[in-house]
Amino acid sequence: MKPLPREQMDFLALRAKRKAMKLRQVDLADALGISERLYRQYESGEVDIPKTLAWYINTRIYPYVMKPAK
């Protein structure tokens, strides 16, 4: 299966990235400036993840959290 572009993310990828970053749902919701309830709706697939939010997670949050310690 071909990976999605940076500006697209499905709810399974969102959950996998959050778990890889070892963050709770409430922590990532807070970092994104959204309510925990809305974040849970994204992660459950109830609500589609906006392209801008997917881009922000993929290009700003995930690389920063996952960079190796120096």
Protein backbone atom coordinates (compact mmCIF):
# COMPACT_ATOMS: atom_id res chain seq x y z
CA MET A 1 0.00 0.00 0.00
CA LYS A 2 1.30 3.44 -0.96
CA PRO A 3 1.85 5.88 1.96
CA LEU A 4 -0.38 8.93 2.14
CA PRO A 5 1.03 12.39 1.35
CA ARG A 6 2.08 14.54 4.32
CA GLU A 7 -1.14 16.50 4.18
CA GLN A 8 -3.29 13.39 4.49
CA MET A 9 -3.63 11.00 7.39
CA ASP A 10 -6.19 8.39 8.33
CA PHE A 11 -7.27 7.71 11.89
CA LEU A 12 -5.14 4.57 12.17
CA ALA A 13 -2.00 6.49 11.19
CA LEU A 14 -2.91 9.22 13.68
CA ARG A 15 -3.18 6.68 16.50
CA ALA A 16 0.08 4.97 15.46
CA LYS A 17 1.98 8.28 15.42
CA ARG A 18 0.63 9.30 18.81
CA LYS A 19 1.63 5.96 20.31
CA ALA A 20 5.08 6.16 18.69
CA MET A 21 5.52 9.57 20.34
CA LYS A 22 4.39 8.03 23.66
CA LEU A 23 1.77 10.73 24.17
CA ARG A 24 -1.68 10.48 25.67
CA GLN A 25 -4.64 11.70 23.63
CA VAL A 26 -5.06 14.68 25.92
CA ASP A 27 -1.38 15.63 25.50
CA LEU A 28 -1.52 15.66 21.72
CA ALA A 29 -4.86 17.47 21.73
CA ASP A 30 -3.32 20.14 23.95
CA ALA A 31 -0.28 20.46 21.67
CA LEU A 32 -2.62 20.90 18.70
CA GLY A 33 -4.81 23.44 20.49
CA ILE A 34 -7.98 21.37 20.17
CA SER A 35 -10.29 19.77 22.68
CA GLU A 36 -9.64 16.23 23.84
CA ARG A 37 -13.12 15.29 22.62
CA LEU A 38 -12.40 16.50 19.07
CA TYR A 39 -9.06 14.69 19.08
CA ARG A 40 -10.77 11.46 20.16
CA GLN A 41 -13.25 11.89 17.30
CA TYR A 42 -10.37 12.21 14.83
CA GLU A 43 -8.62 9.15 16.24
CA SER A 44 -11.78 7.03 16.23
CA GLY A 45 -12.58 7.95 12.62
CA GLU A 46 -15.84 9.72 13.55
CA VAL A 47 -14.56 13.00 12.11
CA ASP A 48 -12.18 13.37 9.15
CA ILE A 49 -8.76 14.76 9.98
CA PRO A 50 -8.27 18.16 8.30
CA LYS A 51 -5.37 18.35 5.85
CA THR A 52 -3.83 21.24 7.74
CA LEU A 53 -3.85 19.25 10.99
CA ALA A 54 -2.32 16.19 9.30
CA TRP A 55 0.37 18.38 7.74
CA TYR A 56 1.15 20.01 11.09
CA ILE A 57 1.50 16.67 12.88
CA ASN A 58 3.60 15.16 10.08
CA THR A 59 5.95 18.10 9.57
CA ARG A 60 6.12 19.87 12.93
CA ILE A 61 5.17 17.71 15.90
CA TYR A 62 6.22 14.19 14.89
CA PRO A 63 9.74 15.06 13.66
CA TYR A 64 10.39 17.24 16.71
CA VAL A 65 9.28 14.62 19.24
CA MET A 66 10.98 11.73 17.43
CA LYS A 67 14.37 13.39 16.78
CA PRO A 68 17.28 11.58 18.45
CA ALA A 69 18.61 13.00 21.69
CA LYS A 70 22.06 14.56 21.44
